Amino acid sequence: MIKSDSEKVMFKDIVRSCTFKKVKDALLELYPDQKKVINGYKYVFQTLRLMRDRYNKEGMVIDIRKVGRGENAYFCVSGICTEKGIQQSYALEYTPWSKWLGYEVDKKVLKKMPKEEIAAHCLWEMTFMGFTQNKIRSRLSVLRRRVKDIEEGKVKTTPYEEIMSRIKDKLKNG
């Protein structure tokens, strides 16, 4: 059961108060191109229902916002953390699922959309890098290795300004 306005609603509460059938319906309405991988979402949903949440020491709050209008509109799922009075937005796609479960869902989001839609948006974000935590960790490891290689000078990079200059030259001469 979802709690009253004054109480915090955690993502685990959302997951545990939904059925996969209703979340699946919301997912396919919001992200129709995901039909071919719906079994991946079912696996993640069932895993979340059995998983224990991790304490949210950062005070992260899940925010879901519609960005843009018309055909180009999309939903942005992010974590909001307030530190020293300053709100900072964070990408969550590499976050362990147990941490997601311990995150509070923003009260404004709870007022704007049904719990199944919240679950659908979060599942989409959680699985952006893969449908298993091992796949997500593997992709994060590759990313970290690439950053390390760049920092150690093992990879030749081209400064942004140089790339933009080349593009402008091609546009002028093209």
N, C-alpha and C. Protein backbone atom coordinates (compact mmCIF):
# COMPACT_ATOMS: atom_id res chain seq x y z
N MET A 1 0.84 -1.19 0.00
CA MET A 1 0.00 0.00 0.00
C MET A 1 0.89 1.25 0.00
N ILE A 2 0.56 2.22 -0.84
CA ILE A 2 1.31 3.47 -0.89
C ILE A 2 0.89 4.35 0.28
N LYS A 3 1.87 5.03 0.87
CA LYS A 3 1.65 5.80 2.09
C LYS A 3 1.02 7.16 1.82
N SER A 4 0.66 7.85 2.89
CA SER A 4 0.05 9.18 2.79
C SER A 4 1.05 10.23 2.33
N ASP A 5 0.53 11.44 2.05
CA ASP A 5 1.37 12.54 1.54
C ASP A 5 2.56 12.86 2.43
N SER A 6 2.41 12.76 3.75
CA SER A 6 3.47 13.18 4.66
C SER A 6 4.60 12.15 4.76
N GLU A 7 4.33 10.91 4.42
CA GLU A 7 5.34 9.87 4.52
C GLU A 7 6.11 9.73 3.22
N LYS A 8 7.36 9.31 3.35
CA LYS A 8 8.17 9.07 2.16
C LYS A 8 7.72 7.79 1.48
N VAL A 9 7.68 7.81 0.17
CA VAL A 9 7.38 6.61 -0.61
C VAL A 9 8.68 6.20 -1.29
N MET A 10 9.13 5.02 -0.97
CA MET A 10 10.38 4.52 -1.54
C MET A 10 10.07 3.75 -2.82
N PHE A 11 11.06 3.63 -3.69
CA PHE A 11 10.86 2.90 -4.93
C PHE A 11 10.46 1.45 -4.64
N LYS A 12 11.00 0.87 -3.57
CA LYS A 12 10.62 -0.52 -3.22
C LYS A 12 9.12 -0.60 -2.95
N ASP A 13 8.52 0.45 -2.36
CA ASP A 13 7.08 0.47 -2.10
C ASP A 13 6.29 0.45 -3.41
N ILE A 14 6.79 1.19 -4.40
CA ILE A 14 6.15 1.24 -5.71
C ILE A 14 6.19 -0.15 -6.35
N VAL A 15 7.37 -0.75 -6.37
CA VAL A 15 7.55 -2.07 -7.00
C VAL A 15 6.66 -3.11 -6.33
N ARG A 16 6.64 -3.08 -5.02
CA ARG A 16 5.89 -4.11 -4.29
C ARG A 16 4.38 -3.90 -4.32
N SER A 17 3.94 -2.71 -4.72
CA SER A 17 2.50 -2.45 -4.78
C SER A 17 1.92 -2.61 -6.19
N CYS A 18 2.76 -3.00 -7.14
CA CYS A 18 2.33 -3.16 -8.53
C CYS A 18 2.37 -4.63 -8.94
N THR A 19 1.57 -4.94 -9.95
CA THR A 19 1.70 -6.25 -10.59
C THR A 19 2.48 -6.04 -11.88
N PHE A 20 3.20 -7.07 -12.32
CA PHE A 20 3.96 -6.91 -13.56
C PHE A 20 3.04 -6.67 -14.75
N LYS A 21 1.87 -7.28 -14.76
CA LYS A 21 0.94 -7.09 -15.88
C LYS A 21 0.64 -5.61 -16.09
N LYS A 22 0.34 -4.89 -15.01
CA LYS A 22 0.02 -3.45 -15.14
C LYS A 22 1.26 -2.63 -15.50
N VAL A 23 2.41 -3.02 -14.95
CA VAL A 23 3.66 -2.32 -15.29
C VAL A 23 4.00 -2.58 -16.76
N LYS A 24 3.81 -3.81 -17.20
CA LYS A 24 4.05 -4.18 -18.60
C LYS A 24 3.17 -3.34 -19.53
N ASP A 25 1.89 -3.20 -19.19
CA ASP A 25 0.98 -2.38 -20.00
C ASP A 25 1.48 -0.94 -20.08
N ALA A 26 1.91 -0.38 -18.95
CA ALA A 26 2.44 0.99 -18.93
C ALA A 26 3.72 1.08 -19.75
N LEU A 27 4.61 0.10 -19.60
CA LEU A 27 5.88 0.07 -20.34
C LEU A 27 5.62 0.09 -21.85
N LEU A 28 4.71 -0.77 -22.30
CA LEU A 28 4.46 -0.88 -23.73
C LEU A 28 3.74 0.34 -24.29
N GLU A 29 2.98 1.02 -23.45
CA GLU A 29 2.34 2.26 -23.89
C GLU A 29 3.37 3.38 -23.99
N LEU A 30 4.26 3.46 -23.00
CA LEU A 30 5.27 4.53 -22.96
C LEU A 30 6.44 4.27 -23.90
N TYR A 31 6.83 3.00 -24.02
CA TYR A 31 8.00 2.60 -24.81
C TYR A 31 7.62 1.42 -25.72
N PRO A 32 6.79 1.66 -26.74
CA PRO A 32 6.29 0.56 -27.57
C PRO A 32 7.39 -0.25 -28.26
N ASP A 33 8.55 0.36 -28.49
CA ASP A 33 9.65 -0.35 -29.14
C ASP A 33 10.30 -1.39 -28.22
N GLN A 34 9.89 -1.46 -26.97
CA GLN A 34 10.49 -2.39 -26.01
C GLN A 34 9.79 -3.74 -25.94
N LYS A 35 8.79 -3.95 -26.79
CA LYS A 35 8.02 -5.19 -26.77
C LYS A 35 8.91 -6.43 -26.92
N LYS A 36 9.93 -6.32 -27.78
CA LYS A 36 10.80 -7.47 -28.06
C LYS A 36 11.65 -7.88 -26.85
N VAL A 37 11.81 -7.01 -25.87
CA VAL A 37 12.63 -7.34 -24.69
C VAL A 37 11.80 -7.33 -23.40
N ILE A 38 10.49 -7.50 -23.53
CA ILE A 38 9.61 -7.41 -22.36
C ILE A 38 9.96 -8.47 -21.32
N ASN A 39 10.46 -9.62 -21.75
CA ASN A 39 10.85 -10.66 -20.78
C ASN A 39 12.03 -10.22 -19.92
N GLY A 40 12.89 -9.37 -20.47
CA GLY A 40 13.99 -8.79 -19.69
C GLY A 40 13.44 -7.92 -18.57
N TYR A 41 12.44 -7.12 -18.89
CA TYR A 41 11.81 -6.27 -17.88
C TYR A 41 11.11 -7.11 -16.81
N LYS A 42 10.49 -8.20 -17.24
CA LYS A 42 9.81 -9.09 -16.28
C LYS A 42 10.84 -9.67 -15.30
N TYR A 43 11.99 -10.10 -15.83
CA TYR A 43 13.05 -10.64 -14.98
C TYR A 43 13.50 -9.59 -13.96
N VAL A 44 13.74 -8.38 -14.41
CA VAL A 44 14.20 -7.32 -13.51
C VAL A 44 13.14 -7.01 -12.46
N PHE A 45 11.89 -6.89 -12.88
CA PHE A 45 10.79 -6.60 -11.95
C PHE A 45 10.70 -7.69 -10.88
N GLN A 46 10.73 -8.95 -11.30
CA GLN A 46 10.65 -10.06 -10.34
C GLN A 46 11.86 -10.08 -9.41
N THR A 47 13.03 -9.76 -9.93
CA THR A 47 14.24 -9.69 -9.11
C THR A 47 14.12 -8.59 -8.07
N LEU A 48 13.61 -7.42 -8.48
CA LEU A 48 13.45 -6.30 -7.55
C LEU A 48 12.49 -6.64 -6.41
N ARG A 49 11.44 -7.37 -6.73
CA ARG A 49 10.45 -7.72 -5.70
C ARG A 49 11.06 -8.62 -4.61
N LEU A 50 12.08 -9.38 -4.97
CA LEU A 50 12.72 -10.30 -4.02
C LEU A 50 13.94 -9.68 -3.32
N MET A 51 14.44 -8.61 -3.87
CA MET A 51 15.69 -8.00 -3.41
C MET A 51 15.49 -7.11 -2.19
N ARG A 52 16.50 -7.05 -1.34
CA ARG A 52 16.48 -6.13 -0.20
C ARG A 52 17.04 -4.78 -0.65
N ASP A 53 16.45 -3.72 -0.13
CA ASP A 53 16.92 -2.37 -0.46
C ASP A 53 18.16 -2.03 0.36
N ARG A 54 18.93 -1.12 -0.18
CA ARG A 54 20.11 -0.61 0.51
C ARG A 54 19.78 0.76 1.07
N TYR A 55 20.29 1.07 2.25
CA TYR A 55 20.04 2.36 2.89
C TYR A 55 20.50 3.50 1.99
N ASN A 56 19.69 4.52 1.87
CA ASN A 56 19.93 5.67 1.00
C ASN A 56 20.66 6.77 1.78
N LYS A 57 21.95 6.59 1.99
CA LYS A 57 22.72 7.56 2.79
C LYS A 57 22.89 8.91 2.10
N GLU A 58 22.80 8.90 0.75
CA GLU A 58 22.97 10.17 0.00
C GLU A 58 21.71 11.03 0.05
N GLY A 59 20.58 10.44 0.40
CA GLY A 59 19.32 11.19 0.36
C GLY A 59 18.81 11.38 -1.06
N MET A 60 19.14 10.43 -1.94
CA MET A 60 18.74 10.52 -3.34
C MET A 60 17.23 10.37 -3.48
N VAL A 61 16.65 11.19 -4.37
CA VAL A 61 15.22 11.16 -4.64
C VAL A 61 15.04 10.95 -6.14
N ILE A 62 14.18 10.01 -6.52
CA ILE A 62 13.92 9.75 -7.94
C ILE A 62 12.98 10.81 -8.50
N ASP A 63 13.41 11.41 -9.60
CA ASP A 63 12.60 12.43 -10.28
C ASP A 63 12.33 11.95 -11.70
N ILE A 64 11.12 12.14 -12.17
CA ILE A 64 10.75 11.78 -13.55
C ILE A 64 10.08 12.99 -14.17
N ARG A 65 10.66 13.48 -15.25
CA ARG A 65 10.13 14.68 -15.91
C ARG A 65 9.96 14.45 -17.40
N LYS A 66 8.90 15.00 -17.94
CA LYS A 66 8.72 14.99 -19.39
C LYS A 66 9.50 16.17 -19.95
N VAL A 67 10.29 15.90 -20.96
CA VAL A 67 11.13 16.93 -21.57
C VAL A 67 10.68 17.10 -23.02
N GLY A 68 10.45 18.33 -23.41
CA GLY A 68 10.06 18.62 -24.78
C GLY A 68 8.56 18.44 -24.99
N ARG A 69 8.16 18.63 -26.25
CA ARG A 69 6.74 18.53 -26.60
C ARG A 69 6.58 17.76 -27.90
N GLY A 70 5.38 17.28 -28.11
CA GLY A 70 5.05 16.62 -29.37
C GLY A 70 5.83 15.33 -29.56
N GLU A 71 6.18 15.07 -30.83
CA GLU A 71 6.87 13.82 -31.19
C GLU A 71 8.26 13.71 -30.57
N ASN A 72 8.88 14.83 -30.27
CA ASN A 72 10.25 14.81 -29.73
C ASN A 72 10.29 14.72 -28.21
N ALA A 73 9.14 14.67 -27.57
CA ALA A 73 9.10 14.62 -26.11
C ALA A 73 9.62 13.26 -25.61
N TYR A 74 10.27 13.28 -24.47
CA TYR A 74 10.74 12.05 -23.83
C TYR A 74 10.72 12.26 -22.33
N PHE A 75 10.89 11.17 -21.60
CA PHE A 75 10.92 11.24 -20.14
C PHE A 75 12.35 11.11 -19.66
N CYS A 76 12.70 11.94 -18.70
CA CYS A 76 14.02 11.92 -18.09
C CYS A 76 13.86 11.41 -16.66
N VAL A 77 14.52 10.31 -16.35
CA VAL A 77 14.52 9.75 -15.00
C VAL A 77 15.90 10.03 -14.42
N SER A 78 15.92 10.71 -13.28
CA SER A 78 17.21 11.03 -12.67
C SER A 78 17.09 11.00 -11.16
N GLY A 79 18.23 11.06 -10.52
CA GLY A 79 18.27 11.15 -9.07
C GLY A 79 18.58 12.58 -8.69
N ILE A 80 17.86 13.10 -7.71
CA ILE A 80 18.09 14.46 -7.23
C ILE A 80 18.61 14.36 -5.80
N CYS A 81 19.70 15.05 -5.57
CA CYS A 81 20.30 15.07 -4.24
C CYS A 81 20.50 16.54 -3.85
N THR A 82 20.14 16.89 -2.65
CA THR A 82 20.32 18.25 -2.18
C THR A 82 21.44 18.26 -1.15
N GLU A 83 22.49 19.01 -1.47
CA GLU A 83 23.63 19.10 -0.57
C GLU A 83 23.92 20.57 -0.31
N LYS A 84 23.92 20.95 0.94
CA LYS A 84 24.17 22.34 1.33
C LYS A 84 23.22 23.29 0.61
N GLY A 85 21.96 22.89 0.47
CA GLY A 85 20.94 23.72 -0.14
C GLY A 85 20.97 23.77 -1.66
N ILE A 86 21.89 23.03 -2.27
CA ILE A 86 22.00 23.04 -3.73
C ILE A 86 21.53 21.69 -4.27
N GLN A 87 20.56 21.75 -5.20
CA GLN A 87 20.06 20.52 -5.82
C GLN A 87 20.95 20.13 -6.99
N GLN A 88 21.31 18.86 -7.02
CA GLN A 88 22.14 18.33 -8.09
C GLN A 88 21.43 17.12 -8.69
N SER A 89 21.43 17.03 -10.01
CA SER A 89 20.79 15.92 -10.71
C SER A 89 21.85 14.88 -11.09
N TYR A 90 21.51 13.60 -10.95
CA TYR A 90 22.44 12.52 -11.24
C TYR A 90 21.81 11.49 -12.17
N ALA A 91 22.62 10.96 -13.08
CA ALA A 91 22.19 9.84 -13.91
C ALA A 91 22.22 8.59 -13.04
N LEU A 92 21.26 7.70 -13.23
CA LEU A 92 21.14 6.53 -12.35
C LEU A 92 21.32 5.19 -13.07
N GLU A 93 21.56 5.20 -14.38
CA GLU A 93 21.56 3.94 -15.12
C GLU A 93 22.63 2.93 -14.69
N TYR A 94 23.69 3.37 -14.04
CA TYR A 94 24.72 2.45 -13.56
C TYR A 94 24.56 2.11 -12.07
N THR A 95 23.51 2.60 -11.44
CA THR A 95 23.28 2.42 -10.01
C THR A 95 22.82 0.99 -9.71
N PRO A 96 23.39 0.35 -8.70
CA PRO A 96 22.92 -1.00 -8.32
C PRO A 96 21.43 -0.97 -7.97
N TRP A 97 20.75 -2.03 -8.34
CA TRP A 97 19.30 -2.08 -8.16
C TRP A 97 18.89 -1.99 -6.69
N SER A 98 19.69 -2.53 -5.80
CA SER A 98 19.35 -2.47 -4.37
C SER A 98 19.35 -1.02 -3.88
N LYS A 99 20.19 -0.18 -4.48
CA LYS A 99 20.19 1.25 -4.13
C LYS A 99 18.93 1.93 -4.66
N TRP A 100 18.54 1.60 -5.90
CA TRP A 100 17.30 2.14 -6.46
C TRP A 100 16.14 1.89 -5.50
N LEU A 101 16.05 0.66 -4.99
CA LEU A 101 14.93 0.30 -4.11
C LEU A 101 14.87 1.17 -2.87
N GLY A 102 16.02 1.64 -2.39
CA GLY A 102 16.07 2.48 -1.20
C GLY A 102 15.87 3.96 -1.46
N TYR A 103 15.75 4.35 -2.72
CA TYR A 103 15.55 5.75 -3.05
C TYR A 103 14.09 6.15 -2.87
N GLU A 104 13.90 7.37 -2.39
CA GLU A 104 12.56 7.94 -2.26
C GLU A 104 12.09 8.40 -3.65
N VAL A 105 10.79 8.32 -3.90
CA VAL A 105 10.21 8.84 -5.13
C VAL A 105 9.67 10.24 -4.81
N ASP A 106 10.06 11.22 -5.62
CA ASP A 106 9.65 12.60 -5.40
C ASP A 106 8.13 12.71 -5.28
N LYS A 107 7.67 13.48 -4.31
CA LYS A 107 6.23 13.65 -4.06
C LYS A 107 5.50 14.23 -5.27
N LYS A 108 6.17 15.12 -6.02
CA LYS A 108 5.54 15.70 -7.22
C LYS A 108 5.30 14.63 -8.28
N VAL A 109 6.22 13.68 -8.37
CA VAL A 109 6.07 12.57 -9.33
C VAL A 109 4.88 11.71 -8.92
N LEU A 110 4.76 11.44 -7.62
CA LEU A 110 3.67 10.61 -7.11
C LEU A 110 2.31 11.23 -7.41
N LYS A 111 2.25 12.56 -7.40
CA LYS A 111 0.99 13.25 -7.69
C LYS A 111 0.67 13.28 -9.17
N LYS A 112 1.72 13.24 -10.02
CA LYS A 112 1.54 13.38 -11.47
C LYS A 112 1.22 12.09 -12.20
N MET A 113 1.73 10.96 -11.71
CA MET A 113 1.57 9.73 -12.48
C MET A 113 1.27 8.51 -11.62
N PRO A 114 0.57 7.54 -12.19
CA PRO A 114 0.26 6.33 -11.43
C PRO A 114 1.52 5.52 -11.13
N LYS A 115 1.44 4.72 -10.08
CA LYS A 115 2.60 3.94 -9.63
C LYS A 115 3.14 3.01 -10.72
N GLU A 116 2.26 2.44 -11.55
CA GLU A 116 2.72 1.54 -12.62
C GLU A 116 3.56 2.29 -13.65
N GLU A 117 3.19 3.54 -13.91
CA GLU A 117 3.95 4.36 -14.84
C GLU A 117 5.31 4.73 -14.25
N ILE A 118 5.32 5.03 -12.96
CA ILE A 118 6.59 5.32 -12.27
C ILE A 118 7.51 4.10 -12.37
N ALA A 119 6.96 2.93 -12.08
CA ALA A 119 7.74 1.69 -12.16
C ALA A 119 8.26 1.47 -13.58
N ALA A 120 7.41 1.71 -14.58
CA ALA A 120 7.80 1.51 -15.98
C ALA A 120 8.97 2.44 -16.36
N HIS A 121 8.86 3.71 -16.02
CA HIS A 121 9.94 4.66 -16.34
C HIS A 121 11.24 4.25 -15.64
N CYS A 122 11.14 3.86 -14.38
CA CYS A 122 12.34 3.47 -13.63
C CYS A 122 12.95 2.19 -14.20
N LEU A 123 12.12 1.22 -14.55
CA LEU A 123 12.64 -0.01 -15.16
C LEU A 123 13.37 0.30 -16.46
N TRP A 124 12.80 1.19 -17.25
CA TRP A 124 13.46 1.56 -18.51
C TRP A 124 14.85 2.15 -18.24
N GLU A 125 14.92 3.04 -17.26
CA GLU A 125 16.20 3.68 -16.92
C GLU A 125 17.18 2.67 -16.33
N MET A 126 16.69 1.82 -15.43
CA MET A 126 17.54 0.83 -14.76
C MET A 126 18.17 -0.15 -15.74
N THR A 127 17.49 -0.42 -16.84
CA THR A 127 17.95 -1.43 -17.78
C THR A 127 18.58 -0.82 -19.03
N PHE A 128 18.82 0.46 -19.00
CA PHE A 128 19.37 1.16 -20.15
C PHE A 128 20.71 0.56 -20.58
N MET A 129 21.49 0.07 -19.63
CA MET A 129 22.81 -0.51 -19.91
C MET A 129 22.80 -2.03 -19.88
N GLY A 130 21.63 -2.64 -19.66
CA GLY A 130 21.55 -4.10 -19.66
C GLY A 130 20.47 -4.60 -18.73
N PHE A 131 20.09 -5.86 -18.93
CA PHE A 131 19.02 -6.46 -18.14
C PHE A 131 19.51 -7.31 -16.98
N THR A 132 20.82 -7.30 -16.75
CA THR A 132 21.37 -7.96 -15.56
C THR A 132 22.36 -7.01 -14.90
N GLN A 133 22.53 -7.17 -13.61
CA GLN A 133 23.49 -6.31 -12.92
C GLN A 133 24.92 -6.61 -13.36
N ASN A 134 25.20 -7.86 -13.72
CA ASN A 134 26.54 -8.19 -14.22
C ASN A 134 26.83 -7.46 -15.52
N LYS A 135 25.86 -7.40 -16.43
CA LYS A 135 26.03 -6.69 -17.70
C LYS A 135 26.29 -5.20 -17.44
N ILE A 136 25.53 -4.62 -16.51
CA ILE A 136 25.69 -3.20 -16.17
C ILE A 136 27.07 -2.95 -15.56
N ARG A 137 27.48 -3.82 -14.61
CA ARG A 137 28.81 -3.67 -14.00
C ARG A 137 29.91 -3.80 -15.04
N SER A 138 29.73 -4.72 -15.98
CA SER A 138 30.72 -4.92 -17.03
C SER A 138 30.86 -3.67 -17.89
N ARG A 139 29.74 -3.07 -18.25
CA ARG A 139 29.79 -1.84 -19.07
C ARG A 139 30.40 -0.68 -18.29
N LEU A 140 30.12 -0.62 -17.00
CA LEU A 140 30.72 0.43 -16.16
C LEU A 140 32.23 0.22 -16.06
N SER A 141 32.65 -1.02 -15.96
CA SER A 141 34.08 -1.34 -15.90
C SER A 141 34.79 -0.91 -17.18
N VAL A 142 34.17 -1.17 -18.32
CA VAL A 142 34.75 -0.75 -19.60
C VAL A 142 34.88 0.77 -19.65
N LEU A 143 33.84 1.46 -19.20
CA LEU A 143 33.84 2.92 -19.19
C LEU A 143 34.96 3.45 -18.29
N ARG A 144 35.08 2.86 -17.10
CA ARG A 144 36.15 3.30 -16.16
C ARG A 144 37.53 3.05 -16.75
N ARG A 145 37.71 1.92 -17.44
CA ARG A 145 39.00 1.61 -18.06
C ARG A 145 39.32 2.63 -19.15
N ARG A 146 38.32 3.02 -19.93
CA ARG A 146 38.53 4.02 -20.98
C ARG A 146 38.92 5.37 -20.40
N VAL A 147 38.26 5.76 -19.32
CA VAL A 147 38.59 7.03 -18.66
C VAL A 147 40.03 6.98 -18.14
N LYS A 148 40.39 5.87 -17.52
CA LYS A 148 41.76 5.71 -17.01
C LYS A 148 42.79 5.80 -18.14
N ASP A 149 42.49 5.13 -19.27
CA ASP A 149 43.40 5.19 -20.42
C ASP A 149 43.56 6.62 -20.93
N ILE A 150 42.48 7.37 -20.96
CA ILE A 150 42.55 8.77 -21.40
C ILE A 150 43.37 9.59 -20.42
N GLU A 151 43.09 9.42 -19.12
CA GLU A 151 43.82 10.17 -18.09
C GLU A 151 45.31 9.85 -18.10
N GLU A 152 45.66 8.62 -18.43
CA GLU A 152 47.08 8.22 -18.46
C GLU A 152 47.74 8.50 -19.81
N GLY A 153 46.98 9.10 -20.73
CA GLY A 153 47.54 9.46 -22.03
C GLY A 153 47.74 8.28 -22.97
N LYS A 154 47.11 7.16 -22.72
CA LYS A 154 47.26 5.98 -23.56
C LYS A 154 46.42 6.08 -24.83
N VAL A 155 45.50 7.05 -24.86
CA VAL A 155 44.60 7.21 -25.99
C VAL A 155 44.77 8.62 -26.54
N LYS A 156 44.87 8.73 -27.87
CA LYS A 156 44.98 10.05 -28.47
C LYS A 156 43.57 10.66 -28.55
N THR A 157 43.41 11.83 -28.01
CA THR A 157 42.13 12.53 -28.07
C THR A 157 42.30 13.82 -28.86
N THR A 158 41.19 14.31 -29.36
CA THR A 158 41.20 15.56 -30.11
C THR A 158 40.35 16.57 -29.35
N PRO A 159 40.92 17.74 -29.05
CA PRO A 159 40.15 18.74 -28.31
C PRO A 159 38.89 19.17 -29.07
N TYR A 160 37.87 19.49 -28.32
CA TYR A 160 36.57 19.92 -28.85
C TYR A 160 36.75 21.06 -29.86
N GLU A 161 37.56 22.04 -29.50
CA GLU A 161 37.75 23.22 -30.35
C GLU A 161 38.28 22.82 -31.73
N GLU A 162 39.21 21.86 -31.75
CA GLU A 162 39.79 21.40 -33.01
C GLU A 162 38.73 20.70 -33.88
N ILE A 163 37.93 19.88 -33.27
CA ILE A 163 36.85 19.19 -33.99
C ILE A 163 35.88 20.21 -34.58
N MET A 164 35.48 21.19 -33.77
CA MET A 164 34.54 22.21 -34.26
C MET A 164 35.14 23.02 -35.40
N SER A 165 36.42 23.30 -35.32
CA SER A 165 37.11 24.04 -36.38
C SER A 165 37.08 23.23 -37.68
N ARG A 166 37.34 21.91 -37.56
CA ARG A 166 37.31 21.04 -38.75
C ARG A 166 35.91 21.01 -39.37
N ILE A 167 34.90 20.93 -38.53
CA ILE A 167 33.52 20.88 -39.02
C ILE A 167 33.18 22.18 -39.75
N LYS A 168 33.56 23.32 -39.16
CA LYS A 168 33.28 24.61 -39.79
C LYS A 168 33.98 24.72 -41.14
N ASP A 169 35.25 24.24 -41.19
CA ASP A 169 35.99 24.26 -42.45
C ASP A 169 35.30 23.42 -43.51
N LYS A 170 34.84 22.23 -43.13
CA LYS A 170 34.15 21.36 -44.08
C LYS A 170 32.85 21.98 -44.57
N LEU A 171 32.13 22.64 -43.67
CA LEU A 171 30.88 23.27 -44.06
C LEU A 171 31.13 24.42 -45.04
N LYS A 172 32.21 25.17 -44.79
CA LYS A 172 32.54 26.30 -45.69
C LYS A 172 32.96 25.79 -47.06
N ASN A 173 33.79 24.76 -47.06
CA ASN A 173 34.37 24.25 -48.31
C ASN A 173 33.51 23.18 -48.97
N GLY A 174 32.51 22.66 -48.25
CA GLY A 174 31.74 21.52 -48.75
C GLY A 174 30.66 21.88 -49.64
